[in-house]
Amino acid sequence: MTSVALGGGYWMAEGPPAADDYLTLREQSGLTPRRRDQAEAAVHGSWCGVHVIHEETDTVVAMGRVIGDGGCYFHIVDVAVLPEHQRRGLGNAVLTALMESIRAGAPPGAYVNLLADEPGRPLYRRHGFEETAPFSVGMARML
């Protein structure tokens, strides 16, 4: 697994985090909690992902993943940073890495999307994402 120093005592590792870290990050960053079986399947089913480790504590403090078909569609999910590590550029570094992976591996014309909660919208806008409404709106259903 490759890793890159981010400065400020952080480094980014290629690949999604382990299931335990995935569950912790989701819960502590305010995302919807998931079960262990969901986390294991999610981590395994990633098209690509990255996670950020705090050097001093050797703790995973941020993550992001891409799911998709590898050709037409790429959906950015699970961008999360622990609250005590926010406002340090980690979310930006995660999104930049995910977009670089998509640019390197996706064919021209691929569709990249995400669902943006209010706190993340400024970050996503800085990376060129635009709201699609009223032309299209997200729809969801829980099982």
Protein backbone atom coordinates (compact mmCIF):
# COMPACT_ATOMS: atom_id res chain seq x y z
CA MET A 1 0.00 0.00 0.00
CA THR A 2 1.42 3.39 -0.96
CA SER A 3 1.38 6.32 1.39
CA VAL A 4 2.07 10.04 1.09
CA ALA A 5 3.06 12.54 3.78
CA LEU A 6 0.53 15.37 4.07
CA GLY A 7 2.47 17.43 6.57
CA GLY A 8 1.26 18.53 9.97
CA GLY A 9 1.72 15.03 11.36
CA TYR A 10 -0.55 13.24 8.87
CA TRP A 11 -0.03 10.80 6.06
CA MET A 12 -2.43 9.40 3.50
CA ALA A 13 -2.59 5.71 2.64
CA GLU A 14 -4.04 4.26 -0.53
CA GLY A 15 -7.10 2.07 -0.06
CA PRO A 16 -10.11 2.31 2.22
CA PRO A 17 -9.59 1.92 5.97
CA ALA A 18 -10.09 -1.33 7.85
CA ALA A 19 -13.69 -2.10 8.81
CA ASP A 20 -13.18 -1.09 12.47
CA ASP A 21 -11.76 2.29 11.45
CA TYR A 22 -14.52 2.72 8.88
CA LEU A 23 -17.18 2.19 11.57
CA THR A 24 -15.47 4.56 14.00
CA LEU A 25 -15.03 7.31 11.42
CA ARG A 26 -18.65 7.13 10.31
CA GLU A 27 -19.99 7.24 13.84
CA GLN A 28 -17.69 9.93 15.25
CA SER A 29 -17.86 12.24 12.22
CA GLY A 30 -21.66 12.30 12.21
CA LEU A 31 -22.38 9.97 9.29
CA THR A 32 -25.07 7.32 9.65
CA PRO A 33 -23.71 4.44 11.72
CA ARG A 34 -23.38 1.10 9.93
CA ARG A 35 -23.18 -2.54 11.03
CA ARG A 36 -19.97 -4.58 10.85
CA ASP A 37 -21.25 -6.74 7.95
CA GLN A 38 -22.08 -3.57 6.01
CA ALA A 39 -18.66 -2.07 6.73
CA GLU A 40 -16.80 -5.18 5.60
CA ALA A 41 -18.77 -5.35 2.35
CA ALA A 42 -18.36 -1.61 1.74
CA VAL A 43 -14.61 -1.62 2.24
CA HIS A 44 -14.24 -4.69 0.01
CA GLY A 45 -16.51 -3.23 -2.70
CA SER A 46 -14.65 0.06 -3.12
CA TRP A 47 -13.46 1.03 -6.59
CA CYS A 48 -10.79 3.06 -4.81
CA GLY A 49 -10.30 4.73 -1.47
CA VAL A 50 -7.87 6.53 0.79
CA HIS A 51 -7.50 7.04 4.50
CA VAL A 52 -5.48 9.47 6.58
CA ILE A 53 -3.44 8.49 9.62
CA HIS A 54 -2.41 10.81 12.42
CA GLU A 55 1.27 10.00 13.03
CA GLU A 56 1.37 10.86 16.72
CA THR A 57 -1.48 8.51 17.67
CA ASP A 58 -1.29 6.09 14.72
CA THR A 59 -5.06 6.58 14.37
CA VAL A 60 -7.12 6.71 11.18
CA VAL A 61 -8.69 10.18 11.26
CA ALA A 62 -10.12 10.65 7.74
CA MET A 63 -11.29 8.61 4.78
CA GLY A 64 -13.06 8.65 1.46
CA ARG A 65 -14.10 6.04 -1.08
CA VAL A 66 -15.32 5.74 -4.64
CA ILE A 67 -17.80 3.12 -5.75
CA GLY A 68 -18.68 2.57 -9.36
CA ASP A 69 -18.64 0.41 -12.43
CA GLY A 70 -15.21 1.47 -13.67
CA GLY A 71 -16.57 2.81 -16.94
CA CYS A 72 -19.55 5.13 -16.84
CA TYR A 73 -20.31 5.97 -13.22
CA PHE A 74 -18.24 6.91 -10.19
CA HIS A 75 -19.90 7.84 -6.91
CA ILE A 76 -17.86 9.47 -4.13
CA VAL A 77 -18.91 8.23 -0.69
CA ASP A 78 -17.85 8.17 2.95
CA VAL A 79 -15.78 11.36 2.96
CA ALA A 80 -15.31 11.82 6.69
CA VAL A 81 -12.87 13.52 9.06
CA LEU A 82 -12.92 13.11 12.83
CA PRO A 83 -14.13 16.38 14.41
CA GLU A 84 -10.89 17.03 16.31
CA HIS A 85 -8.93 16.82 13.03
CA GLN A 86 -11.21 19.00 10.89
CA ARG A 87 -10.17 22.36 9.45
CA ARG A 88 -6.66 21.06 8.64
CA GLY A 89 -7.14 20.37 4.94
CA LEU A 90 -7.67 16.63 5.36
CA GLY A 91 -11.06 16.56 3.62
CA ASN A 92 -9.56 18.51 0.74
CA ALA A 93 -6.62 16.08 0.54
CA VAL A 94 -8.97 13.08 0.55
CA LEU A 95 -11.21 14.51 -2.18
CA THR A 96 -8.18 15.54 -4.27
CA ALA A 97 -6.78 12.00 -4.07
CA LEU A 98 -10.12 10.44 -5.00
CA MET A 99 -10.52 12.74 -8.00
CA GLU A 100 -6.95 12.00 -9.13
CA SER A 101 -7.71 8.27 -9.01
CA ILE A 102 -10.89 8.77 -11.03
CA ARG A 103 -9.08 10.93 -13.62
CA ALA A 104 -6.34 8.30 -13.95
CA GLY A 105 -8.67 5.31 -14.22
CA ALA A 106 -11.91 6.49 -15.76
CA PRO A 107 -12.54 6.78 -19.49
CA PRO A 108 -13.42 10.20 -20.95
CA GLY A 109 -17.03 11.19 -20.37
CA ALA A 110 -17.44 9.30 -17.08
CA TYR A 111 -20.06 10.72 -14.70
CA VAL A 112 -18.81 11.54 -11.20
CA ASN A 113 -21.35 12.36 -8.50
CA LEU A 114 -21.89 12.48 -4.76
CA LEU A 115 -24.57 13.32 -2.22
CA ALA A 116 -23.53 16.39 -0.25
CA ASP A 117 -24.63 17.15 3.29
CA GLU A 118 -24.63 20.85 4.10
CA PRO A 119 -21.25 20.97 5.92
CA GLY A 120 -19.42 19.39 2.95
CA ARG A 121 -20.93 21.48 0.17
CA PRO A 122 -18.29 24.25 0.16
CA LEU A 123 -15.53 21.64 -0.19
CA TYR A 124 -17.30 19.90 -3.06
CA ARG A 125 -18.00 23.20 -4.82
CA ARG A 126 -14.28 24.06 -4.64
CA HIS A 127 -13.64 20.82 -6.52
CA GLY A 128 -16.08 21.73 -9.30
CA PHE A 129 -19.19 19.89 -8.16
CA GLU A 130 -22.49 21.63 -8.84
CA GLU A 131 -26.00 21.00 -7.59
CA THR A 132 -28.08 19.21 -10.22
CA ALA A 133 -31.56 20.32 -9.12
CA PRO A 134 -34.04 21.07 -10.59
CA PHE A 135 -32.92 19.03 -13.62
CA SER A 136 -32.25 15.96 -11.50
CA VAL A 137 -32.68 15.27 -7.82
CA GLY A 138 -31.31 12.54 -5.59
CA MET A 139 -33.74 9.86 -4.59
CA ALA A 140 -33.21 7.18 -1.96
CA ARG A 141 -34.81 4.21 -0.32
CA MET A 142 -33.68 2.31 2.75
CA LEU A 143 -34.08 -1.45 2.97
